[in-house]
Each structure stands twice: as C-alpha cells, then as structure tokens.
Amino acid sequence: FGEEIVMWWNFVARTDEEIRQAREDWMTGDRFGEVKGYAGAPLPAPELPNTPLKARGRAR
C-alpha cells in the first residue's frame, strides 16, 4: 500500500476510528456479507485494546 494503514484482526483501514467502526459493523451484522456454506454462527471479533491503534507505513 502506498499509504499508512492500520491492521487489526481481519480488518484493514486507514485509522483507528475506521477499525473500531468495522468491528462494530461486524458484531452487529452490518456491512459484511454472509459466508455461504458455513452453518455456524459468525465468529465474534476480539475486544479492541484501550489504546488507539496506530497506522504503520511500509518501511524500506
């Protein structure tokens, strides 16, 4: 990626806020599609840390 990104669990975003929103959307069933052929319940996302997640860039 040419920009800094935040990676946490199964989410990739530009900011801590986007990751937190993605987790909320995952937990409430919004925004993410259904996995066809999987009979189990969706896996819950782990709790987020209490500190903000930091974006990291590609180091060369």
N, C-alpha and C. Protein backbone atom coordinates (compact mmCIF):
# COMPACT_ATOMS: atom_id res chain seq x y z
N PHE A 1 0.84 -1.18 0.00
CA PHE A 1 0.00 0.00 0.00
C PHE A 1 0.88 1.25 0.00
N GLY A 2 0.46 2.26 -0.67
CA GLY A 2 1.23 3.49 -0.72
C GLY A 2 0.98 4.40 0.47
N GLU A 3 -0.02 4.11 1.26
CA GLU A 3 -0.33 4.94 2.42
C GLU A 3 -0.20 4.12 3.69
N GLU A 4 -0.19 4.80 4.82
CA GLU A 4 -0.14 4.10 6.09
C GLU A 4 -1.48 3.44 6.36
N ILE A 5 -1.44 2.25 6.95
CA ILE A 5 -2.66 1.51 7.24
C ILE A 5 -2.64 0.99 8.68
N VAL A 6 -3.82 0.68 9.15
CA VAL A 6 -3.99 0.04 10.46
C VAL A 6 -4.52 -1.36 10.17
N MET A 7 -3.87 -2.36 10.76
CA MET A 7 -4.33 -3.75 10.61
C MET A 7 -4.64 -4.29 12.00
N TRP A 8 -5.81 -4.88 12.12
CA TRP A 8 -6.21 -5.49 13.39
C TRP A 8 -7.21 -6.59 13.10
N TRP A 9 -6.96 -7.76 13.64
CA TRP A 9 -7.77 -8.96 13.45
C TRP A 9 -7.98 -9.17 11.95
N ASN A 10 -9.21 -9.13 11.43
CA ASN A 10 -9.46 -9.31 10.00
C ASN A 10 -9.73 -8.00 9.27
N PHE A 11 -9.38 -6.90 9.88
CA PHE A 11 -9.71 -5.60 9.31
C PHE A 11 -8.45 -4.82 8.91
N VAL A 12 -8.58 -4.09 7.81
CA VAL A 12 -7.53 -3.18 7.36
C VAL A 12 -8.21 -1.84 7.11
N ALA A 13 -7.63 -0.77 7.64
CA ALA A 13 -8.24 0.56 7.49
C ALA A 13 -7.14 1.62 7.51
N ARG A 14 -7.55 2.87 7.42
CA ARG A 14 -6.60 3.98 7.46
C ARG A 14 -6.43 4.55 8.86
N THR A 15 -7.46 4.36 9.71
CA THR A 15 -7.42 4.98 11.03
C THR A 15 -7.97 4.03 12.09
N ASP A 16 -7.66 4.35 13.33
CA ASP A 16 -8.21 3.62 14.47
C ASP A 16 -9.74 3.69 14.45
N GLU A 17 -10.29 4.84 14.12
CA GLU A 17 -11.75 5.00 14.11
C GLU A 17 -12.40 4.08 13.08
N GLU A 18 -11.77 3.93 11.91
CA GLU A 18 -12.32 3.04 10.89
C GLU A 18 -12.29 1.58 11.36
N ILE A 19 -11.24 1.19 12.06
CA ILE A 19 -11.17 -0.18 12.60
C ILE A 19 -12.27 -0.39 13.63
N ARG A 20 -12.45 0.59 14.52
CA ARG A 20 -13.49 0.46 15.55
C ARG A 20 -14.88 0.38 14.92
N GLN A 21 -15.10 1.14 13.86
CA GLN A 21 -16.39 1.08 13.16
C GLN A 21 -16.56 -0.27 12.47
N ALA A 22 -15.49 -0.79 11.87
CA ALA A 22 -15.56 -2.09 11.21
C ALA A 22 -15.90 -3.19 12.22
N ARG A 23 -15.29 -3.12 13.41
CA ARG A 23 -15.59 -4.11 14.44
C ARG A 23 -17.06 -4.03 14.84
N GLU A 24 -17.53 -2.81 15.05
CA GLU A 24 -18.94 -2.62 15.43
C GLU A 24 -19.87 -3.17 14.34
N ASP A 25 -19.56 -2.87 13.08
CA ASP A 25 -20.37 -3.36 11.97
C ASP A 25 -20.33 -4.88 11.90
N TRP A 26 -19.18 -5.48 12.15
CA TRP A 26 -19.06 -6.94 12.16
C TRP A 26 -19.93 -7.55 13.26
N MET A 27 -19.84 -6.97 14.45
CA MET A 27 -20.55 -7.53 15.59
C MET A 27 -22.07 -7.38 15.46
N THR A 28 -22.53 -6.34 14.79
CA THR A 28 -23.97 -6.12 14.63
C THR A 28 -24.52 -6.72 13.33
N GLY A 29 -23.63 -7.26 12.49
CA GLY A 29 -24.08 -7.87 11.24
C GLY A 29 -24.28 -6.90 10.10
N ASP A 30 -23.83 -5.66 10.26
CA ASP A 30 -23.95 -4.65 9.21
C ASP A 30 -22.72 -4.69 8.30
N ARG A 31 -22.91 -4.30 7.07
CA ARG A 31 -21.83 -4.03 6.10
C ARG A 31 -21.12 -5.26 5.56
N PHE A 32 -21.05 -6.34 6.27
CA PHE A 32 -20.32 -7.52 5.82
C PHE A 32 -21.31 -8.58 5.37
N GLY A 33 -20.99 -9.25 4.30
CA GLY A 33 -21.89 -10.25 3.73
C GLY A 33 -21.87 -11.56 4.50
N GLU A 34 -22.73 -12.44 4.06
CA GLU A 34 -22.87 -13.77 4.66
C GLU A 34 -21.88 -14.74 4.00
N VAL A 35 -21.32 -15.63 4.78
CA VAL A 35 -20.44 -16.66 4.23
C VAL A 35 -21.33 -17.84 3.83
N LYS A 36 -21.45 -18.09 2.56
CA LYS A 36 -22.29 -19.18 2.05
C LYS A 36 -21.64 -20.52 2.37
N GLY A 37 -22.43 -21.48 2.79
CA GLY A 37 -21.94 -22.82 3.05
C GLY A 37 -21.37 -23.03 4.44
N TYR A 38 -21.40 -22.00 5.28
CA TYR A 38 -20.93 -22.12 6.66
C TYR A 38 -22.15 -22.12 7.56
N ALA A 39 -22.37 -23.21 8.29
CA ALA A 39 -23.59 -23.35 9.09
C ALA A 39 -23.48 -22.76 10.49
N GLY A 40 -22.27 -22.40 10.92
CA GLY A 40 -22.11 -21.89 12.28
C GLY A 40 -22.41 -20.40 12.39
N ALA A 41 -22.43 -19.95 13.63
CA ALA A 41 -22.62 -18.52 13.90
C ALA A 41 -21.36 -17.74 13.51
N PRO A 42 -21.49 -16.45 13.20
CA PRO A 42 -20.31 -15.65 12.90
C PRO A 42 -19.34 -15.63 14.09
N LEU A 43 -18.07 -15.64 13.79
CA LEU A 43 -17.08 -15.56 14.86
C LEU A 43 -17.07 -14.16 15.44
N PRO A 44 -17.11 -14.02 16.75
CA PRO A 44 -17.05 -12.68 17.35
C PRO A 44 -15.64 -12.10 17.24
N ALA A 45 -15.58 -10.83 16.97
CA ALA A 45 -14.28 -10.14 16.94
C ALA A 45 -13.78 -9.97 18.37
N PRO A 46 -12.47 -10.09 18.58
CA PRO A 46 -11.93 -9.86 19.92
C PRO A 46 -12.16 -8.41 20.37
N GLU A 47 -12.07 -8.20 21.65
CA GLU A 47 -12.18 -6.84 22.18
C GLU A 47 -11.00 -6.01 21.67
N LEU A 48 -11.26 -4.75 21.40
CA LEU A 48 -10.20 -3.84 20.98
C LEU A 48 -9.38 -3.39 22.19
N PRO A 49 -8.12 -3.06 21.97
CA PRO A 49 -7.32 -2.53 23.08
C PRO A 49 -7.86 -1.17 23.53
N ASN A 50 -7.53 -0.78 24.74
CA ASN A 50 -7.98 0.52 25.27
C ASN A 50 -7.19 1.69 24.70
N THR A 51 -6.07 1.41 24.08
CA THR A 51 -5.26 2.47 23.48
C THR A 51 -5.54 2.53 21.98
N PRO A 52 -5.40 3.70 21.37
CA PRO A 52 -5.65 3.80 19.93
C PRO A 52 -4.66 2.96 19.12
N LEU A 53 -5.18 2.37 18.06
CA LEU A 53 -4.32 1.63 17.14
C LEU A 53 -3.60 2.64 16.25
N LYS A 54 -2.34 2.37 15.95
CA LYS A 54 -1.53 3.30 15.17
C LYS A 54 -1.34 2.80 13.75
N ALA A 55 -1.44 3.73 12.81
CA ALA A 55 -1.17 3.41 11.42
C ALA A 55 0.33 3.19 11.24
N ARG A 56 0.63 2.28 10.35
CA ARG A 56 2.03 1.97 10.05
C ARG A 56 2.21 2.02 8.55
N GLY A 57 3.37 2.48 8.14
CA GLY A 57 3.68 2.53 6.72
C GLY A 57 4.65 1.43 6.36
N ARG A 58 4.92 1.34 5.11
CA ARG A 58 5.88 0.35 4.62
C ARG A 58 7.28 0.88 4.78
N ALA A 59 8.08 0.19 5.55
CA ALA A 59 9.47 0.62 5.78
C ALA A 59 10.39 -0.06 4.78
N ARG A 60 11.32 0.71 4.25
CA ARG A 60 12.32 0.17 3.32
C ARG A 60 13.69 0.39 3.86
